[in-house]
Amino acid sequence: MSDRELRVSDAEREHVGQLLQRAVGLGMLSLGEFTERMDTALAAKTRGELNAVLIDLPGMRLVGRPAAPASNFVNYPPGPAFAPRPAQPISGDGGSVIRARMSGVTRRGRWQVPPVLRLNSWMSSVTLDFTQAIMTTQVVELHMDDYCSGLTLVVPTETTVDLNNIDLIGSSISNKVRTGPPFGRLHLIVQGRVRFGSVTAKHPLSAHWRKLMGYQH
């Protein structure tokens, strides 16, 4: 059996996804091409299928051709263009990590919110509803590393949300709540990277209706 027929792991698919994202940043691929190739990469079962999405990109070393001795899979070429960026640690205990791959994830009700929450999603929809959540600290940090995903943050009144430290590539941010220094029971700080996705912070629909009806509490 040749290397091209070997099965691939999630880590190898994620590695290729990072290479495709960098190719977009360098202008080698359009957004449509990136999406099409990401679909192929996520569905790939063998190394041959996975390498097919990179074969026409310059600087790539593919299975079956001379490669660096460290790996028989796709390798990073020398030079800064495709140098791997240090990854945000996506690890932790006590439910502090949320991972999603082509999925829908919702946290709602009386879920316990840790001081640091990490989110890693690909082509997914994630909703974090803090209106009834159990807080262990006033300030909560949310570290993101997302591809083609949408994040919705639903927060109670008197919550402040800081979305100023997010690196965006082909993405959008909509903050419909108060920002600035914390003054309520929750101050949410969101940081990290979002590629071809969106982040929205808002109050629950009931809060908007109460405001329209003139209720203050």
Foldseek 3Di string as FASTA:
>chain_A
DFQQAAFDDPVLLVVLLLVLLLCVVVVNDDPVLSVVLNVQSVPDTGLNSNCVSVPPPPPWDAAPGDDDPVDNHIDHGDDDSSPDDDDDDQDDDDQQHDEEELEEEEDDAAAEAEQEHEYEYENYEYEYECDHYHYPQQEHEYEYDYEQYEYEYAYAAQEAEAPPAEAEALEEEAEPHHHDDHDDSHYYYYHYYYYNYYYYYYYDPVVVVCVVVPHPD
